[in-house]
Amino acid sequence: VLKTERLILRAPWLADVKAMASLAND
């Protein structure tokens, strides 16, 4: 898990599926 000033970067989880699909369907 990486943390920057404003962000957290982590491995993707299956719980992220709906959010990712919503964002990437553009």
mmCIF file of all heavy atoms, coordinates in Angstrom:
data_MODEL
# 
_entry.id   MODEL 
# 
loop_
_atom_site.group_PDB 
_atom_site.id 
_atom_site.type_symbol 
_atom_site.label_atom_id 
_atom_site.label_alt_id 
_atom_site.label_comp_id 
_atom_site.label_asym_id 
_atom_site.label_entity_id 
_atom_site.label_seq_id 
_atom_site.pdbx_PDB_ins_code 
_atom_site.Cartn_x 
_atom_site.Cartn_y 
_atom_site.Cartn_z 
_atom_site.occupancy 
_atom_site.B_iso_or_equiv 
_atom_site.pdbx_formal_charge 
_atom_site.auth_seq_id 
_atom_site.auth_comp_id 
_atom_site.auth_asym_id 
_atom_site.auth_atom_id 
_atom_site.pdbx_PDB_model_num 
ATOM 1   N N   . VAL A 1 1  ? 0.877   -1.162  0.000   1.00 0.00 ? 1  VAL A N   1 
ATOM 2   C CA  . VAL A 1 1  ? 0.000   0.000   0.000   1.00 0.00 ? 1  VAL A CA  1 
ATOM 3   C C   . VAL A 1 1  ? 0.916   1.214   0.000   1.00 0.00 ? 1  VAL A C   1 
ATOM 4   O O   . VAL A 1 1  ? 1.840   1.301   0.811   1.00 0.00 ? 1  VAL A O   1 
ATOM 5   C CB  . VAL A 1 1  ? -0.912  0.015   1.250   1.00 0.00 ? 1  VAL A CB  1 
ATOM 6   C CG1 . VAL A 1 1  ? -1.761  1.274   1.273   1.00 0.00 ? 1  VAL A CG1 1 
ATOM 7   C CG2 . VAL A 1 1  ? -1.785  -1.230  1.291   1.00 0.00 ? 1  VAL A CG2 1 
ATOM 8   N N   . LEU A 1 2  ? 0.696   2.131   -0.930  1.00 0.00 ? 2  LEU A N   1 
ATOM 9   C CA  . LEU A 1 2  ? 1.489   3.352   -1.022  1.00 0.00 ? 2  LEU A CA  1 
ATOM 10  C C   . LEU A 1 2  ? 0.614   4.533   -0.645  1.00 0.00 ? 2  LEU A C   1 
ATOM 11  O O   . LEU A 1 2  ? -0.563  4.580   -1.003  1.00 0.00 ? 2  LEU A O   1 
ATOM 12  C CB  . LEU A 1 2  ? 2.023   3.551   -2.447  1.00 0.00 ? 2  LEU A CB  1 
ATOM 13  C CG  . LEU A 1 2  ? 2.821   2.408   -3.068  1.00 0.00 ? 2  LEU A CG  1 
ATOM 14  C CD1 . LEU A 1 2  ? 3.185   2.746   -4.509  1.00 0.00 ? 2  LEU A CD1 1 
ATOM 15  C CD2 . LEU A 1 2  ? 4.053   2.102   -2.243  1.00 0.00 ? 2  LEU A CD2 1 
ATOM 16  N N   . LYS A 1 3  ? 1.206   5.485   0.062   1.00 0.00 ? 3  LYS A N   1 
ATOM 17  C CA  . LYS A 1 3  ? 0.472   6.689   0.437   1.00 0.00 ? 3  LYS A CA  1 
ATOM 18  C C   . LYS A 1 3  ? 1.258   7.902   -0.013  1.00 0.00 ? 3  LYS A C   1 
ATOM 19  O O   . LYS A 1 3  ? 2.453   8.011   0.254   1.00 0.00 ? 3  LYS A O   1 
ATOM 20  C CB  . LYS A 1 3  ? 0.246   6.734   1.940   1.00 0.00 ? 3  LYS A CB  1 
ATOM 21  C CG  . LYS A 1 3  ? -0.646  7.878   2.382   1.00 0.00 ? 3  LYS A CG  1 
ATOM 22  C CD  . LYS A 1 3  ? -0.989  7.780   3.838   1.00 0.00 ? 3  LYS A CD  1 
ATOM 23  C CE  . LYS A 1 3  ? -1.955  8.836   4.301   1.00 0.00 ? 3  LYS A CE  1 
ATOM 24  N NZ  . LYS A 1 3  ? -1.811  10.147  3.720   1.00 0.00 ? 3  LYS A NZ  1 
ATOM 25  N N   . THR A 1 4  ? 0.599   8.794   -0.730  1.00 0.00 ? 4  THR A N   1 
ATOM 26  C CA  . THR A 1 4  ? 1.192   10.060  -1.132  1.00 0.00 ? 4  THR A CA  1 
ATOM 27  C C   . THR A 1 4  ? 0.528   11.152  -0.303  1.00 0.00 ? 4  THR A C   1 
ATOM 28  O O   . THR A 1 4  ? -0.233  10.858  0.625   1.00 0.00 ? 4  THR A O   1 
ATOM 29  C CB  . THR A 1 4  ? 0.977   10.323  -2.635  1.00 0.00 ? 4  THR A CB  1 
ATOM 30  O OG1 . THR A 1 4  ? -0.420  10.524  -2.877  1.00 0.00 ? 4  THR A OG1 1 
ATOM 31  C CG2 . THR A 1 4  ? 1.493   9.172   -3.488  1.00 0.00 ? 4  THR A CG2 1 
ATOM 32  N N   . GLU A 1 5  ? 0.771   12.385  -0.661  1.00 0.00 ? 5  GLU A N   1 
ATOM 33  C CA  . GLU A 1 5  ? 0.168   13.498  0.094   1.00 0.00 ? 5  GLU A CA  1 
ATOM 34  C C   . GLU A 1 5  ? -1.357  13.405  0.135   1.00 0.00 ? 5  GLU A C   1 
ATOM 35  O O   . GLU A 1 5  ? -1.979  13.616  1.155   1.00 0.00 ? 5  GLU A O   1 
ATOM 36  C CB  . GLU A 1 5  ? 0.598   14.830  -0.530  1.00 0.00 ? 5  GLU A CB  1 
ATOM 37  C CG  . GLU A 1 5  ? 0.108   16.036  0.220   1.00 0.00 ? 5  GLU A CG  1 
ATOM 38  C CD  . GLU A 1 5  ? 0.595   17.334  -0.398  1.00 0.00 ? 5  GLU A CD  1 
ATOM 39  O OE1 . GLU A 1 5  ? 1.657   17.336  -1.048  1.00 0.00 ? 5  GLU A OE1 1 
ATOM 40  O OE2 . GLU A 1 5  ? -0.110  18.344  -0.219  1.00 0.00 ? 5  GLU A OE2 1 
ATOM 41  N N   . ARG A 1 6  ? -1.982  13.047  -1.007  1.00 0.00 ? 6  ARG A N   1 
ATOM 42  C CA  . ARG A 1 6  ? -3.445  13.026  -1.077  1.00 0.00 ? 6  ARG A CA  1 
ATOM 43  C C   . ARG A 1 6  ? -4.046  11.665  -1.392  1.00 0.00 ? 6  ARG A C   1 
ATOM 44  O O   . ARG A 1 6  ? -5.266  11.506  -1.305  1.00 0.00 ? 6  ARG A O   1 
ATOM 45  C CB  . ARG A 1 6  ? -3.928  14.000  -2.170  1.00 0.00 ? 6  ARG A CB  1 
ATOM 46  C CG  . ARG A 1 6  ? -3.521  15.423  -1.963  1.00 0.00 ? 6  ARG A CG  1 
ATOM 47  C CD  . ARG A 1 6  ? -3.983  16.297  -3.113  1.00 0.00 ? 6  ARG A CD  1 
ATOM 48  N NE  . ARG A 1 6  ? -3.311  15.917  -4.363  1.00 0.00 ? 6  ARG A NE  1 
ATOM 49  C CZ  . ARG A 1 6  ? -3.678  16.329  -5.568  1.00 0.00 ? 6  ARG A CZ  1 
ATOM 50  N NH1 . ARG A 1 6  ? -4.725  17.111  -5.716  1.00 0.00 ? 6  ARG A NH1 1 
ATOM 51  N NH2 . ARG A 1 6  ? -3.012  15.951  -6.643  1.00 0.00 ? 6  ARG A NH2 1 
ATOM 52  N N   . LEU A 1 7  ? -3.218  10.705  -1.780  1.00 0.00 ? 7  LEU A N   1 
ATOM 53  C CA  . LEU A 1 7  ? -3.740  9.465   -2.345  1.00 0.00 ? 7  LEU A CA  1 
ATOM 54  C C   . LEU A 1 7  ? -3.297  8.223   -1.588  1.00 0.00 ? 7  LEU A C   1 
ATOM 55  O O   . LEU A 1 7  ? -2.244  8.224   -0.955  1.00 0.00 ? 7  LEU A O   1 
ATOM 56  C CB  . LEU A 1 7  ? -3.266  9.325   -3.801  1.00 0.00 ? 7  LEU A CB  1 
ATOM 57  C CG  . LEU A 1 7  ? -3.601  10.472  -4.736  1.00 0.00 ? 7  LEU A CG  1 
ATOM 58  C CD1 . LEU A 1 7  ? -2.925  10.268  -6.088  1.00 0.00 ? 7  LEU A CD1 1 
ATOM 59  C CD2 . LEU A 1 7  ? -5.110  10.623  -4.898  1.00 0.00 ? 7  LEU A CD2 1 
ATOM 60  N N   . ILE A 1 8  ? -4.092  7.176   -1.711  1.00 0.00 ? 8  ILE A N   1 
ATOM 61  C CA  . ILE A 1 8  ? -3.718  5.842   -1.249  1.00 0.00 ? 8  ILE A CA  1 
ATOM 62  C C   . ILE A 1 8  ? -3.792  4.938   -2.473  1.00 0.00 ? 8  ILE A C   1 
ATOM 63  O O   . ILE A 1 8  ? -4.799  4.934   -3.195  1.00 0.00 ? 8  ILE A O   1 
ATOM 64  C CB  . ILE A 1 8  ? -4.664  5.337   -0.143  1.00 0.00 ? 8  ILE A CB  1 
ATOM 65  C CG1 . ILE A 1 8  ? -4.535  6.213   1.096   1.00 0.00 ? 8  ILE A CG1 1 
ATOM 66  C CG2 . ILE A 1 8  ? -4.362  3.874   0.191   1.00 0.00 ? 8  ILE A CG2 1 
ATOM 67  C CD1 . ILE A 1 8  ? -5.570  5.927   2.158   1.00 0.00 ? 8  ILE A CD1 1 
ATOM 68  N N   . LEU A 1 9  ? -2.718  4.200   -2.716  1.00 0.00 ? 9  LEU A N   1 
ATOM 69  C CA  . LEU A 1 9  ? -2.656  3.254   -3.821  1.00 0.00 ? 9  LEU A CA  1 
ATOM 70  C C   . LEU A 1 9  ? -2.545  1.862   -3.220  1.00 0.00 ? 9  LEU A C   1 
ATOM 71  O O   . LEU A 1 9  ? -1.683  1.627   -2.372  1.00 0.00 ? 9  LEU A O   1 
ATOM 72  C CB  . LEU A 1 9  ? -1.444  3.530   -4.717  1.00 0.00 ? 9  LEU A CB  1 
ATOM 73  C CG  . LEU A 1 9  ? -1.476  4.824   -5.525  1.00 0.00 ? 9  LEU A CG  1 
ATOM 74  C CD1 . LEU A 1 9  ? -1.041  6.002   -4.686  1.00 0.00 ? 9  LEU A CD1 1 
ATOM 75  C CD2 . LEU A 1 9  ? -0.582  4.699   -6.744  1.00 0.00 ? 9  LEU A CD2 1 
ATOM 76  N N   . ARG A 1 10 ? -3.424  0.964   -3.647  1.00 0.00 ? 10 ARG A N   1 
ATOM 77  C CA  . ARG A 1 10 ? -3.446  -0.398  -3.108  1.00 0.00 ? 10 ARG A CA  1 
ATOM 78  C C   . ARG A 1 10 ? -3.849  -1.358  -4.208  1.00 0.00 ? 10 ARG A C   1 
ATOM 79  O O   . ARG A 1 10 ? -4.343  -0.952  -5.267  1.00 0.00 ? 10 ARG A O   1 
ATOM 80  C CB  . ARG A 1 10 ? -4.421  -0.487  -1.945  1.00 0.00 ? 10 ARG A CB  1 
ATOM 81  C CG  . ARG A 1 10 ? -5.845  -0.120  -2.325  1.00 0.00 ? 10 ARG A CG  1 
ATOM 82  C CD  . ARG A 1 10 ? -6.859  -0.495  -1.266  1.00 0.00 ? 10 ARG A CD  1 
ATOM 83  N NE  . ARG A 1 10 ? -8.187  -0.004  -1.579  1.00 0.00 ? 10 ARG A NE  1 
ATOM 84  C CZ  . ARG A 1 10 ? -9.014  -0.540  -2.463  1.00 0.00 ? 10 ARG A CZ  1 
ATOM 85  N NH1 . ARG A 1 10 ? -8.634  -1.594  -3.169  1.00 0.00 ? 10 ARG A NH1 1 
ATOM 86  N NH2 . ARG A 1 10 ? -10.217 -0.028  -2.670  1.00 0.00 ? 10 ARG A NH2 1 
ATOM 87  N N   . ALA A 1 11 ? -3.637  -2.643  -3.957  1.00 0.00 ? 11 ALA A N   1 
ATOM 88  C CA  . ALA A 1 11 ? -4.058  -3.664  -4.916  1.00 0.00 ? 11 ALA A CA  1 
ATOM 89  C C   . ALA A 1 11 ? -5.580  -3.623  -5.066  1.00 0.00 ? 11 ALA A C   1 
ATOM 90  O O   . ALA A 1 11 ? -6.297  -3.320  -4.112  1.00 0.00 ? 11 ALA A O   1 
ATOM 91  C CB  . ALA A 1 11 ? -3.611  -5.047  -4.437  1.00 0.00 ? 11 ALA A CB  1 
ATOM 92  N N   . PRO A 1 12 ? -6.092  -3.914  -6.258  1.00 0.00 ? 12 PRO A N   1 
ATOM 93  C CA  . PRO A 1 12 ? -7.550  -3.920  -6.444  1.00 0.00 ? 12 PRO A CA  1 
ATOM 94  C C   . PRO A 1 12 ? -8.201  -5.116  -5.758  1.00 0.00 ? 12 PRO A C   1 
ATOM 95  O O   . PRO A 1 12 ? -7.610  -6.192  -5.674  1.00 0.00 ? 12 PRO A O   1 
ATOM 96  C CB  . PRO A 1 12 ? -7.711  -4.010  -7.968  1.00 0.00 ? 12 PRO A CB  1 
ATOM 97  C CG  . PRO A 1 12 ? -6.424  -4.543  -8.483  1.00 0.00 ? 12 PRO A CG  1 
ATOM 98  C CD  . PRO A 1 12 ? -5.361  -4.173  -7.496  1.00 0.00 ? 12 PRO A CD  1 
ATOM 99  N N   . TRP A 1 13 ? -9.398  -4.890  -5.258  1.00 0.00 ? 13 TRP A N   1 
ATOM 100 C CA  . TRP A 1 13 ? -10.208 -5.926  -4.617  1.00 0.00 ? 13 TRP A CA  1 
ATOM 101 C C   . TRP A 1 13 ? -11.434 -6.165  -5.478  1.00 0.00 ? 13 TRP A C   1 
ATOM 102 O O   . TRP A 1 13 ? -11.887 -5.281  -6.201  1.00 0.00 ? 13 TRP A O   1 
ATOM 103 C CB  . TRP A 1 13 ? -10.707 -5.485  -3.248  1.00 0.00 ? 13 TRP A CB  1 
ATOM 104 C CG  . TRP A 1 13 ? -9.707  -4.996  -2.270  1.00 0.00 ? 13 TRP A CG  1 
ATOM 105 C CD1 . TRP A 1 13 ? -8.412  -5.403  -2.136  1.00 0.00 ? 13 TRP A CD1 1 
ATOM 106 C CD2 . TRP A 1 13 ? -9.917  -4.007  -1.258  1.00 0.00 ? 13 TRP A CD2 1 
ATOM 107 N NE1 . TRP A 1 13 ? -7.811  -4.728  -1.099  1.00 0.00 ? 13 TRP A NE1 1 
ATOM 108 C CE2 . TRP A 1 13 ? -8.718  -3.867  -0.539  1.00 0.00 ? 13 TRP A CE2 1 
ATOM 109 C CE3 . TRP A 1 13 ? -11.014 -3.238  -0.883  1.00 0.00 ? 13 TRP A CE3 1 
ATOM 110 C CZ2 . TRP A 1 13 ? -8.577  -2.994  0.526   1.00 0.00 ? 13 TRP A CZ2 1 
ATOM 111 C CZ3 . TRP A 1 13 ? -10.875 -2.362  0.182   1.00 0.00 ? 13 TRP A CZ3 1 
ATOM 112 C CH2 . TRP A 1 13 ? -9.667  -2.250  0.879   1.00 0.00 ? 13 TRP A CH2 1 
ATOM 113 N N   . LEU A 1 14 ? -12.045 -7.330  -5.325  1.00 0.00 ? 14 LEU A N   1 
ATOM 114 C CA  . LEU A 1 14 ? -13.301 -7.581  -6.039  1.00 0.00 ? 14 LEU A CA  1 
ATOM 115 C C   . LEU A 1 14 ? -14.390 -6.599  -5.602  1.00 0.00 ? 14 LEU A C   1 
ATOM 116 O O   . LEU A 1 14 ? -15.299 -6.296  -6.373  1.00 0.00 ? 14 LEU A O   1 
ATOM 117 C CB  . LEU A 1 14 ? -13.754 -9.027  -5.858  1.00 0.00 ? 14 LEU A CB  1 
ATOM 118 C CG  . LEU A 1 14 ? -12.964 -10.035 -6.704  1.00 0.00 ? 14 LEU A CG  1 
ATOM 119 C CD1 . LEU A 1 14 ? -13.392 -11.462 -6.387  1.00 0.00 ? 14 LEU A CD1 1 
ATOM 120 C CD2 . LEU A 1 14 ? -13.121 -9.751  -8.191  1.00 0.00 ? 14 LEU A CD2 1 
ATOM 121 N N   . ALA A 1 15 ? -14.285 -6.070  -4.398  1.00 0.00 ? 15 ALA A N   1 
ATOM 122 C CA  . ALA A 1 15 ? -15.255 -5.066  -3.934  1.00 0.00 ? 15 ALA A CA  1 
ATOM 123 C C   . ALA A 1 15 ? -15.165 -3.763  -4.743  1.00 0.00 ? 15 ALA A C   1 
ATOM 124 O O   . ALA A 1 15 ? -16.062 -2.923  -4.670  1.00 0.00 ? 15 ALA A O   1 
ATOM 125 C CB  . ALA A 1 15 ? -15.039 -4.777  -2.454  1.00 0.00 ? 15 ALA A CB  1 
ATOM 126 N N   . ASP A 1 16 ? -14.102 -3.597  -5.528  1.00 0.00 ? 16 ASP A N   1 
ATOM 127 C CA  . ASP A 1 16 ? -13.918 -2.385  -6.347  1.00 0.00 ? 16 ASP A CA  1 
ATOM 128 C C   . ASP A 1 16 ? -14.615 -2.477  -7.700  1.00 0.00 ? 16 ASP A C   1 
ATOM 129 O O   . ASP A 1 16 ? -14.632 -1.509  -8.455  1.00 0.00 ? 16 ASP A O   1 
ATOM 130 C CB  . ASP A 1 16 ? -12.422 -2.133  -6.602  1.00 0.00 ? 16 ASP A CB  1 
ATOM 131 C CG  . ASP A 1 16 ? -11.641 -1.880  -5.335  1.00 0.00 ? 16 ASP A CG  1 
ATOM 132 O OD1 . ASP A 1 16 ? -12.170 -1.189  -4.433  1.00 0.00 ? 16 ASP A OD1 1 
ATOM 133 O OD2 . ASP A 1 16 ? -10.493 -2.365  -5.241  1.00 0.00 ? 16 ASP A OD2 1 
ATOM 134 N N   . VAL A 1 17 ? -15.171 -3.641  -8.023  1.00 0.00 ? 17 VAL A N   1 
ATOM 135 C CA  . VAL A 1 17 ? -15.690 -3.897  -9.371  1.00 0.00 ? 17 VAL A CA  1 
ATOM 136 C C   . VAL A 1 17 ? -16.707 -2.849  -9.810  1.00 0.00 ? 17 VAL A C   1 
ATOM 137 O O   . VAL A 1 17 ? -16.592 -2.287  -10.900 1.00 0.00 ? 17 VAL A O   1 
ATOM 138 C CB  . VAL A 1 17 ? -16.281 -5.326  -9.444  1.00 0.00 ? 17 VAL A CB  1 
ATOM 139 C CG1 . VAL A 1 17 ? -17.175 -5.497  -10.653 1.00 0.00 ? 17 VAL A CG1 1 
ATOM 140 C CG2 . VAL A 1 17 ? -15.164 -6.346  -9.481  1.00 0.00 ? 17 VAL A CG2 1 
ATOM 141 N N   . LYS A 1 18 ? -17.709 -2.581  -9.008  1.00 0.00 ? 18 LYS A N   1 
ATOM 142 C CA  . LYS A 1 18 ? -18.763 -1.641  -9.430  1.00 0.00 ? 18 LYS A CA  1 
ATOM 143 C C   . LYS A 1 18 ? -18.218 -0.241  -9.642  1.00 0.00 ? 18 LYS A C   1 
ATOM 144 O O   . LYS A 1 18 ? -18.563 0.428   -10.620 1.00 0.00 ? 18 LYS A O   1 
ATOM 145 C CB  . LYS A 1 18 ? -19.908 -1.627  -8.412  1.00 0.00 ? 18 LYS A CB  1 
ATOM 146 C CG  . LYS A 1 18 ? -20.774 -2.857  -8.477  1.00 0.00 ? 18 LYS A CG  1 
ATOM 147 C CD  . LYS A 1 18 ? -21.936 -2.760  -7.522  1.00 0.00 ? 18 LYS A CD  1 
ATOM 148 C CE  . LYS A 1 18 ? -22.762 -4.031  -7.572  1.00 0.00 ? 18 LYS A CE  1 
ATOM 149 N NZ  . LYS A 1 18 ? -23.848 -4.026  -6.604  1.00 0.00 ? 18 LYS A NZ  1 
ATOM 150 N N   . ALA A 1 19 ? -17.362 0.218   -8.739  1.00 0.00 ? 19 ALA A N   1 
ATOM 151 C CA  . ALA A 1 19 ? -16.782 1.561   -8.877  1.00 0.00 ? 19 ALA A CA  1 
ATOM 152 C C   . ALA A 1 19 ? -15.921 1.649   -10.129 1.00 0.00 ? 19 ALA A C   1 
ATOM 153 O O   . ALA A 1 19 ? -15.989 2.637   -10.875 1.00 0.00 ? 19 ALA A O   1 
ATOM 154 C CB  . ALA A 1 19 ? -15.971 1.920   -7.635  1.00 0.00 ? 19 ALA A CB  1 
ATOM 155 N N   . MET A 1 20 ? -15.110 0.614   -10.373 1.00 0.00 ? 20 MET A N   1 
ATOM 156 C CA  . MET A 1 20 ? -14.255 0.626   -11.558 1.00 0.00 ? 20 MET A CA  1 
ATOM 157 C C   . MET A 1 20 ? -15.079 0.602   -12.837 1.00 0.00 ? 20 MET A C   1 
ATOM 158 O O   . MET A 1 20 ? -14.790 1.339   -13.790 1.00 0.00 ? 20 MET A O   1 
ATOM 159 C CB  . MET A 1 20 ? -13.284 -0.553  -11.527 1.00 0.00 ? 20 MET A CB  1 
ATOM 160 C CG  . MET A 1 20 ? -12.171 -0.388  -10.525 1.00 0.00 ? 20 MET A CG  1 
ATOM 161 S SD  . MET A 1 20 ? -11.040 -1.784  -10.518 1.00 0.00 ? 20 MET A SD  1 
ATOM 162 C CE  . MET A 1 20 ? -10.371 -1.677  -12.162 1.00 0.00 ? 20 MET A CE  1 
ATOM 163 N N   . ALA A 1 21 ? -16.111 -0.240  -12.868 1.00 0.00 ? 21 ALA A N   1 
ATOM 164 C CA  . ALA A 1 21 ? -16.955 -0.327  -14.056 1.00 0.00 ? 21 ALA A CA  1 
ATOM 165 C C   . ALA A 1 21 ? -17.657 0.996   -14.318 1.00 0.00 ? 21 ALA A C   1 
ATOM 166 O O   . ALA A 1 21 ? -17.759 1.447   -15.469 1.00 0.00 ? 21 ALA A O   1 
ATOM 167 C CB  . ALA A 1 21 ? -17.969 -1.462  -13.909 1.00 0.00 ? 21 ALA A CB  1 
ATOM 168 N N   . SER A 1 22 ? -18.114 1.635   -13.273 1.00 0.00 ? 22 SER A N   1 
ATOM 169 C CA  . SER A 1 22 ? -18.793 2.920   -13.420 1.00 0.00 ? 22 SER A CA  1 
ATOM 170 C C   . SER A 1 22 ? -17.851 3.989   -13.978 1.00 0.00 ? 22 SER A C   1 
ATOM 171 O O   . SER A 1 22 ? -18.206 4.742   -14.881 1.00 0.00 ? 22 SER A O   1 
ATOM 172 C CB  . SER A 1 22 ? -19.351 3.360   -12.071 1.00 0.00 ? 22 SER A CB  1 
ATOM 173 O OG  . SER A 1 22 ? -19.921 4.630   -12.163 1.00 0.00 ? 22 SER A OG  1 
ATOM 174 N N   . LEU A 1 23 ? -16.636 4.039   -13.456 1.00 0.00 ? 23 LEU A N   1 
ATOM 175 C CA  . LEU A 1 23 ? -15.660 5.036   -13.926 1.00 0.00 ? 23 LEU A CA  1 
ATOM 176 C C   . LEU A 1 23 ? -15.183 4.757   -15.345 1.00 0.00 ? 23 LEU A C   1 
ATOM 177 O O   . LEU A 1 23 ? -15.096 5.672   -16.171 1.00 0.00 ? 23 LEU A O   1 
ATOM 178 C CB  . LEU A 1 23 ? -14.438 5.060   -13.004 1.00 0.00 ? 23 LEU A CB  1 
ATOM 179 C CG  . LEU A 1 23 ? -14.581 5.693   -11.634 1.00 0.00 ? 23 LEU A CG  1 
ATOM 180 C CD1 . LEU A 1 23 ? -13.284 5.512   -10.850 1.00 0.00 ? 23 LEU A CD1 1 
ATOM 181 C CD2 . LEU A 1 23 ? -14.943 7.165   -11.740 1.00 0.00 ? 23 LEU A CD2 1 
ATOM 182 N N   . ALA A 1 24 ? -14.818 3.504   -15.621 1.00 0.00 ? 24 ALA A N   1 
ATOM 183 C CA  . ALA A 1 24 ? -14.182 3.165   -16.897 1.00 0.00 ? 24 ALA A CA  1 
ATOM 184 C C   . ALA A 1 24 ? -15.172 3.064   -18.054 1.00 0.00 ? 24 ALA A C   1 
ATOM 185 O O   . ALA A 1 24 ? -14.758 3.034   -19.208 1.00 0.00 ? 24 ALA A O   1 
ATOM 186 C CB  . ALA A 1 24 ? -13.407 1.862   -16.766 1.00 0.00 ? 24 ALA A CB  1 
ATOM 187 N N   . ASN A 1 25 ? -16.464 3.031   -17.765 1.00 0.00 ? 25 ASN A N   1 
ATOM 188 C CA  . ASN A 1 25 ? -17.460 2.965   -18.833 1.00 0.00 ? 25 ASN A CA  1 
ATOM 189 C C   . ASN A 1 25 ? -17.703 4.361   -19.408 1.00 0.00 ? 25 ASN A C   1 
ATOM 190 O O   . ASN A 1 25 ? -18.814 4.873   -19.428 1.00 0.00 ? 25 ASN A O   1 
ATOM 191 C CB  . ASN A 1 25 ? -18.765 2.348   -18.321 1.00 0.00 ? 25 ASN A CB  1 
ATOM 192 C CG  . ASN A 1 25 ? -19.713 2.036   -19.451 1.00 0.00 ? 25 ASN A CG  1 
ATOM 193 O OD1 . ASN A 1 25 ? -19.290 1.795   -20.572 1.00 0.00 ? 25 ASN A OD1 1 
ATOM 194 N ND2 . ASN A 1 25 ? -21.008 2.054   -19.163 1.00 0.00 ? 25 ASN A ND2 1 
ATOM 195 N N   . ASP A 1 26 ? -16.634 4.961   -19.854 1.00 0.00 ? 26 ASP A N   1 
ATOM 196 C CA  . ASP A 1 26 ? -16.638 6.319   -20.400 1.00 0.00 ? 26 ASP A CA  1 
ATOM 197 C C   . ASP A 1 26 ? -15.770 6.271   -21.651 1.00 0.00 ? 26 ASP A C   1 
ATOM 198 O O   . ASP A 1 26 ? -14.580 5.975   -21.578 1.00 0.00 ? 26 ASP A O   1 
ATOM 199 C CB  . ASP A 1 26 ? -16.046 7.277   -19.363 1.00 0.00 ? 26 ASP A CB  1 
ATOM 200 C CG  . ASP A 1 26 ? -16.058 8.729   -19.802 1.00 0.00 ? 26 ASP A CG  1 
ATOM 201 O OD1 . ASP A 1 26 ? -15.927 9.004   -21.017 1.00 0.00 ? 26 ASP A OD1 1 
ATOM 202 O OD2 . ASP A 1 26 ? -16.161 9.603   -18.922 1.00 0.00 ? 26 ASP A OD2 1 
# 
